[in-house]
Amino acid sequence: MLCFSCSAGATESYEVFGGDITYHLLDFSGDTSAYRQKISPDGKLIYNPTYGVRYTNETDKDYWSATAFGGNNSLGYPMGGAAYTTGVKPNKYVQLGFVVGGYIQDGQPFYSLGIVPPSLGGIGTEILTPIIGAEINFKVKLTDSVFIKESNLISFITSSFVSVGVEF
């Protein structure tokens, strides 16, 4: 995933990101044959394109961020949502946070395959899928103002290698 950031002040940054690699920790169907863009032989590791924007506000010891995103779910259908993260910075190159949010997706393709995806309800076939988990971000300093950043989201359902990019 490529991520570009620009500083809006000493403690703020904006990011534009794209891409996503997801590993399904839990499989509600027992059958991963319907998952799209499979990377692993068992079908649980997939590439599902995700794009979005993220605002981050940080101090020397903590941070919070707000993210809006869209892309494809595990079956290759459109989804979109938002997340909020708050956390600590053990040092200036690592962020450890708690993530809460959700995304809207069409539940019908899942139900037609006999899969009951986790949801908080919905309207019609559109369902709200929750996101609750931990975020681990690593930065590698290239120059005084440019970093390579890797972000990871670990939830109860999936583990996502969310982004690798350049932050400046």
C-alpha atoms as a PDB file:
ATOM      1  CA  MET A   1       0.000   0.000   0.000  1.00  0.00           C
ATOM      2  CA  LEU A   2       1.351   3.400  -0.862  1.00  0.00           C
ATOM      3  CA  CYS A   3       0.831   6.213   1.607  1.00  0.00           C
ATOM      4  CA  PHE A   4       1.685   9.879   1.091  1.00  0.00           C
ATOM      5  CA  SER A   5       1.531  12.364   3.967  1.00  0.00           C
ATOM      6  CA  CYS A   6       2.120  16.057   4.297  1.00  0.00           C
ATOM      7  CA  SER A   7       2.613  17.952   7.519  1.00  0.00           C
ATOM      8  CA  ALA A   8      -0.059  20.505   8.444  1.00  0.00           C
ATOM      9  CA  GLY A   9       1.798  21.575  11.576  1.00  0.00           C
ATOM     10  CA  ALA A  10       4.216  20.252  14.144  1.00  0.00           C
ATOM     11  CA  THR A  11       1.785  17.576  15.345  1.00  0.00           C
ATOM     12  CA  GLU A  12      -0.540  16.963  12.398  1.00  0.00           C
ATOM     13  CA  SER A  13      -0.348  14.977   9.176  1.00  0.00           C
ATOM     14  CA  TYR A  14      -2.671  13.970   6.370  1.00  0.00           C
ATOM     15  CA  GLU A  15      -2.290  10.724   4.475  1.00  0.00           C
ATOM     16  CA  VAL A  16      -3.691   9.292   1.270  1.00  0.00           C
ATOM     17  CA  PHE A  17      -3.310   5.516   1.093  1.00  0.00           C
ATOM     18  CA  GLY A  18      -4.180   2.569  -1.105  1.00  0.00           C
ATOM     19  CA  GLY A  19      -3.861  -1.240  -1.070  1.00  0.00           C
ATOM     20  CA  ASP A  20      -4.409  -3.876   1.604  1.00  0.00           C
ATOM     21  CA  ILE A  21      -3.364  -7.419   2.413  1.00  0.00           C
ATOM     22  CA  THR A  22      -5.733  -9.220   4.799  1.00  0.00           C
ATOM     23  CA  TYR A  23      -5.426 -12.507   6.650  1.00  0.00           C
ATOM     24  CA  HIS A  24      -8.726 -13.979   7.899  1.00  0.00           C
ATOM     25  CA  LEU A  25      -8.191 -15.154  11.468  1.00  0.00           C
ATOM     26  CA  LEU A  26     -11.800 -16.368  11.716  1.00  0.00           C
ATOM     27  CA  ASP A  27     -13.657 -17.936   8.837  1.00  0.00           C
ATOM     28  CA  PHE A  28     -17.420 -17.817   9.249  1.00  0.00           C
ATOM     29  CA  SER A  29     -18.106 -20.110   6.319  1.00  0.00           C
ATOM     30  CA  GLY A  30     -15.429 -22.760   6.706  1.00  0.00           C
ATOM     31  CA  ASP A  31     -14.961 -22.303   2.947  1.00  0.00           C
ATOM     32  CA  THR A  32     -12.569 -19.672   1.622  1.00  0.00           C
ATOM     33  CA  SER A  33     -13.246 -20.524  -2.050  1.00  0.00           C
ATOM     34  CA  ALA A  34     -15.367 -17.364  -2.496  1.00  0.00           C
ATOM     35  CA  TYR A  35     -12.608 -14.989  -1.373  1.00  0.00           C
ATOM     36  CA  ARG A  36     -11.093 -12.921  -4.199  1.00  0.00           C
ATOM     37  CA  GLN A  37      -7.449 -12.079  -4.915  1.00  0.00           C
ATOM     38  CA  LYS A  38      -6.081 -15.047  -2.918  1.00  0.00           C
ATOM     39  CA  ILE A  39      -2.387 -15.015  -2.031  1.00  0.00           C
ATOM     40  CA  SER A  40      -2.092 -18.138   0.153  1.00  0.00           C
ATOM     41  CA  PRO A  41      -3.020 -21.716  -0.827  1.00  0.00           C
ATOM     42  CA  ASP A  42      -5.647 -21.924   1.957  1.00  0.00           C
ATOM     43  CA  GLY A  43      -7.326 -18.751   0.622  1.00  0.00           C
ATOM     44  CA  LYS A  44      -7.259 -16.915   3.955  1.00  0.00           C
ATOM     45  CA  LEU A  45      -4.559 -14.438   2.889  1.00  0.00           C
ATOM     46  CA  ILE A  46      -5.944 -12.089   0.243  1.00  0.00           C
ATOM     47  CA  TYR A  47      -5.221  -8.803  -1.477  1.00  0.00           C
ATOM     48  CA  ASN A  48      -8.292  -6.570  -1.303  1.00  0.00           C
ATOM     49  CA  PRO A  49      -7.762  -3.051  -2.677  1.00  0.00           C
ATOM     50  CA  THR A  50      -8.530  -0.342  -0.124  1.00  0.00           C
ATOM     51  CA  TYR A  51      -8.113   3.419  -0.522  1.00  0.00           C
ATOM     52  CA  GLY A  52      -8.597   6.290   1.872  1.00  0.00           C
ATOM     53  CA  VAL A  53      -7.529   9.393   3.727  1.00  0.00           C
ATOM     54  CA  ARG A  54      -6.253   9.707   7.277  1.00  0.00           C
ATOM     55  CA  TYR A  55      -5.718  12.645   9.612  1.00  0.00           C
ATOM     56  CA  THR A  56      -3.258  12.106  12.494  1.00  0.00           C
ATOM     57  CA  ASN A  57      -2.545  14.363  15.465  1.00  0.00           C
ATOM     58  CA  GLU A  58       0.404  13.353  17.636  1.00  0.00           C
ATOM     59  CA  THR A  59       2.569  14.471  20.514  1.00  0.00           C
ATOM     60  CA  ASP A  60       5.845  12.961  21.708  1.00  0.00           C
ATOM     61  CA  LYS A  61       3.918  10.400  23.822  1.00  0.00           C
ATOM     62  CA  ASP A  62       0.532   9.754  22.203  1.00  0.00           C
ATOM     63  CA  TYR A  63      -1.563  10.154  19.061  1.00  0.00           C
ATOM     64  CA  TRP A  64      -5.058   9.909  17.620  1.00  0.00           C
ATOM     65  CA  SER A  65      -6.268   9.595  14.059  1.00  0.00           C
ATOM     66  CA  ALA A  66      -9.434   9.579  11.983  1.00  0.00           C
ATOM     67  CA  THR A  67      -9.631   7.533   8.785  1.00  0.00           C
ATOM     68  CA  ALA A  68     -12.155   7.314   5.941  1.00  0.00           C
ATOM     69  CA  PHE A  69     -11.749   4.485   3.438  1.00  0.00           C
ATOM     70  CA  GLY A  70     -13.349   2.504   0.642  1.00  0.00           C
ATOM     71  CA  GLY A  71     -12.437  -0.419  -1.539  1.00  0.00           C
ATOM     72  CA  ASN A  72     -13.299  -4.082  -1.925  1.00  0.00           C
ATOM     73  CA  ASN A  73     -14.322  -6.589   0.715  1.00  0.00           C
ATOM     74  CA  SER A  74     -13.102 -10.191   0.828  1.00  0.00           C
ATOM     75  CA  LEU A  75     -15.548 -11.245  -1.893  1.00  0.00           C
ATOM     76  CA  GLY A  76     -14.446  -8.418  -4.191  1.00  0.00           C
ATOM     77  CA  TYR A  77     -17.556  -6.245  -3.705  1.00  0.00           C
ATOM     78  CA  PRO A  78     -17.495  -2.521  -2.797  1.00  0.00           C
ATOM     79  CA  MET A  79     -17.362  -1.378   0.828  1.00  0.00           C
ATOM     80  CA  GLY A  80     -16.622   1.885   2.631  1.00  0.00           C
ATOM     81  CA  GLY A  81     -16.280   3.125   6.164  1.00  0.00           C
ATOM     82  CA  ALA A  82     -14.423   5.039   8.842  1.00  0.00           C
ATOM     83  CA  ALA A  83     -12.277   4.388  11.904  1.00  0.00           C
ATOM     84  CA  TYR A  84     -10.914   6.266  14.906  1.00  0.00           C
ATOM     85  CA  THR A  85      -7.632   5.366  16.611  1.00  0.00           C
ATOM     86  CA  THR A  86      -6.097   6.534  19.862  1.00  0.00           C
ATOM     87  CA  GLY A  87      -2.815   5.301  21.245  1.00  0.00           C
ATOM     88  CA  VAL A  88       0.660   5.758  22.636  1.00  0.00           C
ATOM     89  CA  LYS A  89       4.096   6.261  21.115  1.00  0.00           C
ATOM     90  CA  PRO A  90       6.792   4.246  22.931  1.00  0.00           C
ATOM     91  CA  ASN A  91       9.246   6.205  20.771  1.00  0.00           C
ATOM     92  CA  LYS A  92       9.035   8.509  17.767  1.00  0.00           C
ATOM     93  CA  TYR A  93       9.130   5.560  15.335  1.00  0.00           C
ATOM     94  CA  VAL A  94       6.379   3.330  16.819  1.00  0.00           C
ATOM     95  CA  GLN A  95       2.650   3.900  17.396  1.00  0.00           C
ATOM     96  CA  LEU A  96       0.464   1.437  19.361  1.00  0.00           C
ATOM     97  CA  GLY A  97      -3.245   2.174  19.315  1.00  0.00           C
ATOM     98  CA  PHE A  98      -6.822   1.006  19.839  1.00  0.00           C
ATOM     99  CA  VAL A  99      -9.059   1.174  16.732  1.00  0.00           C
ATOM    100  CA  VAL A 100     -12.849   1.374  16.578  1.00  0.00           C
ATOM    101  CA  GLY A 101     -14.968   1.909  13.478  1.00  0.00           C
ATOM    102  CA  GLY A 102     -16.932   0.115  10.842  1.00  0.00           C
ATOM    103  CA  TYR A 103     -17.752  -0.211   7.180  1.00  0.00           C
ATOM    104  CA  ILE A 104     -20.878  -0.596   5.072  1.00  0.00           C
ATOM    105  CA  GLN A 105     -21.077  -3.453   2.573  1.00  0.00           C
ATOM    106  CA  ASP A 106     -23.739  -5.426   0.733  1.00  0.00           C
ATOM    107  CA  GLY A 107     -24.452  -8.535   2.799  1.00  0.00           C
ATOM    108  CA  GLN A 108     -26.354 -10.353   0.039  1.00  0.00           C
ATOM    109  CA  PRO A 109     -23.268 -11.864  -1.676  1.00  0.00           C
ATOM    110  CA  PHE A 110     -22.216 -13.349   1.685  1.00  0.00           C
ATOM    111  CA  TYR A 111     -25.685 -14.673   2.539  1.00  0.00           C
ATOM    112  CA  SER A 112     -26.085 -16.245  -0.932  1.00  0.00           C
ATOM    113  CA  LEU A 113     -22.909 -18.267  -0.221  1.00  0.00           C
ATOM    114  CA  GLY A 114     -24.132 -19.345   3.217  1.00  0.00           C
ATOM    115  CA  ILE A 115     -21.744 -16.973   5.015  1.00  0.00           C
ATOM    116  CA  VAL A 116     -23.088 -14.900   7.906  1.00  0.00           C
ATOM    117  CA  PRO A 117     -20.670 -11.970   8.210  1.00  0.00           C
ATOM    118  CA  PRO A 118     -20.324 -10.133  11.518  1.00  0.00           C
ATOM    119  CA  SER A 119     -22.554  -7.067  11.515  1.00  0.00           C
ATOM    120  CA  LEU A 120     -24.287  -4.554  13.735  1.00  0.00           C
ATOM    121  CA  GLY A 121     -27.461  -4.692  11.631  1.00  0.00           C
ATOM    122  CA  GLY A 122     -28.356  -2.797   8.511  1.00  0.00           C
ATOM    123  CA  ILE A 123     -30.955  -1.566   6.068  1.00  0.00           C
ATOM    124  CA  GLY A 124     -32.041  -3.832   3.221  1.00  0.00           C
ATOM    125  CA  THR A 125     -29.033  -5.881   2.203  1.00  0.00           C
ATOM    126  CA  GLU A 126     -26.530  -3.211   3.331  1.00  0.00           C
ATOM    127  CA  ILE A 127     -24.898  -4.147   6.639  1.00  0.00           C
ATOM    128  CA  LEU A 128     -22.568  -2.353   9.039  1.00  0.00           C
ATOM    129  CA  THR A 129     -19.504  -4.473   9.777  1.00  0.00           C
ATOM    130  CA  PRO A 130     -17.662  -3.442  12.972  1.00  0.00           C
ATOM    131  CA  ILE A 131     -13.935  -2.825  13.319  1.00  0.00           C
ATOM    132  CA  ILE A 132     -12.476  -3.247  16.809  1.00  0.00           C
ATOM    133  CA  GLY A 133      -8.807  -3.964  17.286  1.00  0.00           C
ATOM    134  CA  ALA A 134      -5.242  -2.813  17.712  1.00  0.00           C
ATOM    135  CA  GLU A 135      -3.032  -0.790  15.405  1.00  0.00           C
ATOM    136  CA  ILE A 136       0.735  -1.096  15.204  1.00  0.00           C
ATOM    137  CA  ASN A 137       2.620   1.418  13.063  1.00  0.00           C
ATOM    138  CA  PHE A 138       6.350   1.533  12.360  1.00  0.00           C
ATOM    139  CA  LYS A 139       8.313   4.409  10.842  1.00  0.00           C
ATOM    140  CA  VAL A 140      11.792   4.225   9.334  1.00  0.00           C
ATOM    141  CA  LYS A 141      13.546   7.575   9.081  1.00  0.00           C
ATOM    142  CA  LEU A 142      14.890   8.378   5.609  1.00  0.00           C
ATOM    143  CA  THR A 143      15.670  12.069   6.241  1.00  0.00           C
ATOM    144  CA  ASP A 144      14.751  14.555   8.979  1.00  0.00           C
ATOM    145  CA  SER A 145      11.317  15.022   7.428  1.00  0.00           C
ATOM    146  CA  VAL A 146      10.674  11.879   5.346  1.00  0.00           C
ATOM    147  CA  PHE A 147       9.753   8.444   6.719  1.00  0.00           C
ATOM    148  CA  ILE A 148       8.708   5.075   5.334  1.00  0.00           C
ATOM    149  CA  LYS A 149       5.658   3.976   7.335  1.00  0.00           C
ATOM    150  CA  GLU A 150       4.157   0.510   7.774  1.00  0.00           C
ATOM    151  CA  SER A 151       0.728   0.247   9.395  1.00  0.00           C
ATOM    152  CA  ASN A 152      -1.007  -2.900  10.648  1.00  0.00           C
ATOM    153  CA  LEU A 153      -4.508  -3.499  12.007  1.00  0.00           C
ATOM    154  CA  ILE A 154      -5.235  -6.586  14.091  1.00  0.00           C
ATOM    155  CA  SER A 155      -8.905  -7.239  14.876  1.00  0.00           C
ATOM    156  CA  PHE A 156     -10.825 -10.185  16.261  1.00  0.00           C
ATOM    157  CA  ILE A 157     -11.685 -11.302  12.724  1.00  0.00           C
ATOM    158  CA  THR A 158      -8.766 -10.278  10.490  1.00  0.00           C
ATOM    159  CA  SER A 159      -5.214  -9.074  10.533  1.00  0.00           C
ATOM    160  CA  SER A 160      -4.496  -6.458   7.877  1.00  0.00           C
ATOM    161  CA  PHE A 161      -1.191  -5.210   6.575  1.00  0.00           C
ATOM    162  CA  VAL A 162      -2.745  -1.833   5.978  1.00  0.00           C
ATOM    163  CA  SER A 163      -0.117   0.413   4.449  1.00  0.00           C
ATOM    164  CA  VAL A 164       3.454   0.961   3.511  1.00  0.00           C
ATOM    165  CA  GLY A 165       4.288   4.410   2.338  1.00  0.00           C
ATOM    166  CA  VAL A 166       6.126   7.669   2.614  1.00  0.00           C
ATOM    167  CA  GLU A 167       5.322  10.195   5.315  1.00  0.00           C
ATOM    168  CA  PHE A 168       6.648  13.734   5.092  1.00  0.00           C
END
